[in-house]
C-alpha atoms as a PDB file:
ATOM      1  CA  MET A   1    -114.916 -84.255 -58.811  1.00  0.00           C
ATOM      2  CA  SER A   2    -115.896 -80.789 -57.601  1.00  0.00           C
ATOM      3  CA  GLU A   3    -114.124 -77.713 -58.742  1.00  0.00           C
ATOM      4  CA  PRO A   4    -113.640 -74.588 -56.511  1.00  0.00           C
ATOM      5  CA  SER A   5    -116.484 -72.258 -55.747  1.00  0.00           C
ATOM      6  CA  ASP A   6    -115.257 -69.630 -58.062  1.00  0.00           C
ATOM      7  CA  SER A   7    -116.212 -71.829 -61.027  1.00  0.00           C
ATOM      8  CA  ALA A   8    -119.060 -69.582 -62.058  1.00  0.00           C
ATOM      9  CA  PRO A   9    -119.152 -68.183 -65.646  1.00  0.00           C
ATOM     10  CA  ASP A  10    -116.406 -65.568 -66.127  1.00  0.00           C
ATOM     11  CA  PHE A  11    -118.443 -62.669 -67.488  1.00  0.00           C
ATOM     12  CA  ALA A  12    -115.413 -60.469 -67.707  1.00  0.00           C
ATOM     13  CA  LYS A  13    -114.256 -62.469 -70.646  1.00  0.00           C
ATOM     14  CA  GLY A  14    -117.230 -61.389 -72.738  1.00  0.00           C
ATOM     15  CA  GLY A  15    -117.398 -57.896 -71.681  1.00  0.00           C
ATOM     16  CA  GLY A  16    -120.186 -58.782 -69.243  1.00  0.00           C
ATOM     17  CA  LEU A  17    -122.036 -60.941 -71.710  1.00  0.00           C
ATOM     18  CA  LEU A  18    -121.582 -64.476 -72.422  1.00  0.00           C
ATOM     19  CA  PRO A  19    -123.310 -66.731 -75.040  1.00  0.00           C
ATOM     20  CA  ALA A  20    -125.899 -69.118 -73.633  1.00  0.00           C
ATOM     21  CA  ILE A  21    -127.144 -72.123 -75.693  1.00  0.00           C
ATOM     22  CA  ALA A  22    -130.468 -73.612 -74.866  1.00  0.00           C
ATOM     23  CA  GLN A  23    -130.692 -77.457 -75.714  1.00  0.00           C
ATOM     24  CA  ASP A  24    -133.673 -79.619 -75.308  1.00  0.00           C
ATOM     25  CA  ALA A  25    -132.972 -81.770 -72.423  1.00  0.00           C
ATOM     26  CA  ASP A  26    -134.941 -84.772 -73.719  1.00  0.00           C
ATOM     27  CA  ASP A  27    -133.950 -84.956 -77.353  1.00  0.00           C
ATOM     28  CA  GLY A  28    -130.807 -82.750 -77.564  1.00  0.00           C
ATOM     29  CA  THR A  29    -132.112 -80.407 -80.218  1.00  0.00           C
ATOM     30  CA  VAL A  30    -130.411 -77.141 -79.908  1.00  0.00           C
ATOM     31  CA  LEU A  31    -133.199 -74.555 -79.487  1.00  0.00           C
ATOM     32  CA  MET A  32    -131.686 -71.068 -79.528  1.00  0.00           C
ATOM     33  CA  MET A  33    -128.629 -69.123 -78.674  1.00  0.00           C
ATOM     34  CA  ALA A  34    -128.842 -65.980 -76.692  1.00  0.00           C
ATOM     35  CA  TYR A  35    -126.795 -63.925 -74.120  1.00  0.00           C
ATOM     36  CA  MET A  36    -126.600 -63.956 -70.466  1.00  0.00           C
ATOM     37  CA  ASN A  37    -125.055 -61.358 -67.948  1.00  0.00           C
ATOM     38  CA  ALA A  38    -124.402 -62.017 -64.295  1.00  0.00           C
ATOM     39  CA  GLU A  39    -127.796 -60.736 -63.269  1.00  0.00           C
ATOM     40  CA  SER A  40    -129.668 -62.954 -65.883  1.00  0.00           C
ATOM     41  CA  TYR A  41    -127.512 -65.935 -64.715  1.00  0.00           C
ATOM     42  CA  ALA A  42    -128.300 -65.269 -61.131  1.00  0.00           C
ATOM     43  CA  GLU A  43    -132.029 -65.050 -61.774  1.00  0.00           C
ATOM     44  CA  THR A  44    -132.048 -68.314 -63.836  1.00  0.00           C
ATOM     45  CA  LEU A  45    -130.257 -70.003 -60.814  1.00  0.00           C
ATOM     46  CA  ALA A  46    -132.680 -68.529 -58.401  1.00  0.00           C
ATOM     47  CA  THR A  47    -135.983 -69.338 -60.427  1.00  0.00           C
ATOM     48  CA  GLY A  48    -135.129 -72.326 -62.431  1.00  0.00           C
ATOM     49  CA  ARG A  49    -136.351 -70.610 -65.566  1.00  0.00           C
ATOM     50  CA  ALA A  50    -134.302 -69.217 -68.273  1.00  0.00           C
ATOM     51  CA  VAL A  51    -133.562 -65.583 -68.239  1.00  0.00           C
ATOM     52  CA  TYR A  52    -131.352 -63.864 -70.883  1.00  0.00           C
ATOM     53  CA  PHE A  53    -130.111 -60.359 -71.580  1.00  0.00           C
ATOM     54  CA  SER A  54    -131.608 -58.744 -74.607  1.00  0.00           C
ATOM     55  CA  ARG A  55    -128.860 -56.800 -76.431  1.00  0.00           C
ATOM     56  CA  SER A  56    -131.444 -55.032 -78.768  1.00  0.00           C
ATOM     57  CA  ARG A  57    -133.626 -53.987 -75.726  1.00  0.00           C
ATOM     58  CA  ASN A  58    -130.713 -53.575 -73.329  1.00  0.00           C
ATOM     59  CA  LYS A  59    -132.669 -55.276 -70.598  1.00  0.00           C
ATOM     60  CA  LEU A  60    -133.259 -58.703 -68.944  1.00  0.00           C
ATOM     61  CA  TRP A  61    -135.319 -61.063 -70.963  1.00  0.00           C
ATOM     62  CA  ARG A  62    -137.349 -63.624 -69.197  1.00  0.00           C
ATOM     63  CA  LYS A  63    -137.920 -66.265 -71.899  1.00  0.00           C
ATOM     64  CA  GLY A  64    -141.718 -66.607 -72.543  1.00  0.00           C
ATOM     65  CA  GLU A  65    -142.756 -63.188 -70.984  1.00  0.00           C
ATOM     66  CA  GLU A  66    -144.521 -62.398 -73.900  1.00  0.00           C
ATOM     67  CA  SER A  67    -145.354 -65.677 -75.820  1.00  0.00           C
ATOM     68  CA  GLY A  68    -145.831 -68.016 -72.929  1.00  0.00           C
ATOM     69  CA  ASN A  69    -143.074 -70.139 -74.269  1.00  0.00           C
ATOM     70  CA  THR A  70    -140.868 -70.613 -71.161  1.00  0.00           C
ATOM     71  CA  GLN A  71    -137.798 -72.696 -70.507  1.00  0.00           C
ATOM     72  CA  GLU A  72    -137.415 -74.788 -67.308  1.00  0.00           C
ATOM     73  CA  ILE A  73    -133.841 -75.499 -66.348  1.00  0.00           C
ATOM     74  CA  ARG A  74    -132.821 -79.111 -66.123  1.00  0.00           C
ATOM     75  CA  ALA A  75    -129.160 -78.565 -65.927  1.00  0.00           C
ATOM     76  CA  ILE A  76    -126.537 -75.834 -66.551  1.00  0.00           C
ATOM     77  CA  TYR A  77    -123.100 -76.531 -68.029  1.00  0.00           C
ATOM     78  CA  LEU A  78    -120.111 -74.297 -68.508  1.00  0.00           C
ATOM     79  CA  ASP A  79    -117.324 -74.906 -71.116  1.00  0.00           C
ATOM     80  CA  CYS A  80    -113.699 -75.312 -70.189  1.00  0.00           C
ATOM     81  CA  ASP A  81    -112.939 -71.644 -70.320  1.00  0.00           C
ATOM     82  CA  ARG A  82    -116.275 -70.598 -68.331  1.00  0.00           C
ATOM     83  CA  ASP A  83    -117.197 -68.205 -71.216  1.00  0.00           C
ATOM     84  CA  THR A  84    -120.113 -70.199 -72.665  1.00  0.00           C
ATOM     85  CA  ILE A  85    -123.255 -71.472 -70.966  1.00  0.00           C
ATOM     86  CA  LEU A  86    -125.126 -74.509 -72.021  1.00  0.00           C
ATOM     87  CA  LEU A  87    -128.707 -74.686 -70.579  1.00  0.00           C
ATOM     88  CA  ARG A  88    -130.299 -78.110 -70.733  1.00  0.00           C
ATOM     89  CA  VAL A  89    -134.052 -77.071 -70.558  1.00  0.00           C
ATOM     90  CA  LYS A  90    -137.583 -78.393 -70.794  1.00  0.00           C
ATOM     91  CA  GLN A  91    -139.240 -76.102 -73.500  1.00  0.00           C
ATOM     92  CA  ILE A  92    -142.775 -75.287 -72.183  1.00  0.00           C
ATOM     93  CA  GLY A  93    -144.808 -74.476 -75.235  1.00  0.00           C
ATOM     94  CA  ASP A  94    -144.234 -75.466 -78.850  1.00  0.00           C
ATOM     95  CA  ALA A  95    -141.692 -73.028 -79.851  1.00  0.00           C
ATOM     96  CA  ALA A  96    -138.343 -71.501 -78.655  1.00  0.00           C
ATOM     97  CA  CYS A  97    -138.064 -69.285 -81.651  1.00  0.00           C
ATOM     98  CA  HIS A  98    -139.798 -65.826 -81.781  1.00  0.00           C
ATOM     99  CA  LYS A  99    -140.420 -66.540 -85.623  1.00  0.00           C
ATOM    100  CA  GLY A 100    -142.845 -69.406 -84.573  1.00  0.00           C
ATOM    101  CA  TYR A 101    -140.467 -72.337 -84.941  1.00  0.00           C
ATOM    102  CA  ARG A 102    -139.393 -75.026 -82.472  1.00  0.00           C
ATOM    103  CA  THR A 103    -135.906 -74.132 -82.814  1.00  0.00           C
ATOM    104  CA  CYS A 104    -134.141 -70.830 -83.830  1.00  0.00           C
ATOM    105  CA  PHE A 105    -132.077 -73.032 -86.293  1.00  0.00           C
ATOM    106  CA  TYR A 106    -134.956 -73.695 -88.657  1.00  0.00           C
ATOM    107  CA  ARG A 107    -133.012 -72.830 -91.877  1.00  0.00           C
ATOM    108  CA  GLN A 108    -130.329 -75.002 -93.471  1.00  0.00           C
ATOM    109  CA  VAL A 109    -127.486 -73.418 -95.616  1.00  0.00           C
ATOM    110  CA  THR A 110    -127.563 -75.137 -99.172  1.00  0.00           C
ATOM    111  CA  PRO A 111    -125.798 -74.338-102.419  1.00  0.00           C
ATOM    112  CA  ASP A 112    -129.039 -72.703-103.499  1.00  0.00           C
ATOM    113  CA  GLY A 113    -129.224 -70.466-100.434  1.00  0.00           C
ATOM    114  CA  LEU A 114    -131.218 -70.914 -97.263  1.00  0.00           C
ATOM    115  CA  GLN A 115    -133.736 -73.583 -97.159  1.00  0.00           C
ATOM    116  CA  VAL A 116    -136.435 -73.689 -94.465  1.00  0.00           C
ATOM    117  CA  VAL A 117    -136.420 -77.183 -92.857  1.00  0.00           C
ATOM    118  CA  GLY A 118    -138.403 -76.693 -89.759  1.00  0.00           C
ATOM    119  CA  ARG A 119    -142.223 -76.356 -89.418  1.00  0.00           C
ATOM    120  CA  ARG A 120    -143.727 -73.045 -88.008  1.00  0.00           C
ATOM    121  CA  VAL A 121    -145.931 -73.916 -85.079  1.00  0.00           C
ATOM    122  CA  PHE A 122    -147.341 -70.531 -84.479  1.00  0.00           C
ATOM    123  CA  ASP A 123    -147.846 -67.276 -86.214  1.00  0.00           C
ATOM    124  CA  PRO A 124    -145.730 -64.631 -84.495  1.00  0.00           C
ATOM    125  CA  ASP A 125    -148.191 -61.802 -85.404  1.00  0.00           C
ATOM    126  CA  ASP A 126    -150.867 -63.666 -83.438  1.00  0.00           C
ATOM    127  CA  VAL A 127    -148.557 -64.116 -80.385  1.00  0.00           C
ATOM    128  CA  TYR A 128    -146.736 -60.719 -80.378  1.00  0.00           C
ATOM    129  CA  GLY A 129    -149.579 -58.655 -81.847  1.00  0.00           C
ATOM    130  CA  LYS A 130    -147.602 -57.242 -84.652  1.00  0.00           C
ATOM    131  CA  LYS A 131    -149.655 -56.532 -87.823  1.00  0.00           C
END
């Protein structure tokens, strides 16, 4: 069943920014959560590559523009309120996380505090040139 053509994300609900969850299309791993605005969403649709909006830099963030770890879009889903975006992606490169892990969710909350449960696949200092 198709919905009306006005079934695009409702960016007005989030003040222009909506959460966007990137999930591995093959194994279902949640890779990261970022934000999209109407411009980044439109570019994502046009290019087939994930484009987010960086709140800290206040500009579009083309995933992988520095690291080479891009995300090819396999499918896009909207939640029932059209205020959260789910991107099913093919992760190109070993990591989605700028800290060098496959997923940004590499730490688990335990009674003893945060425990690293992921394996770092690259050194961010080498990739981003920060020493």
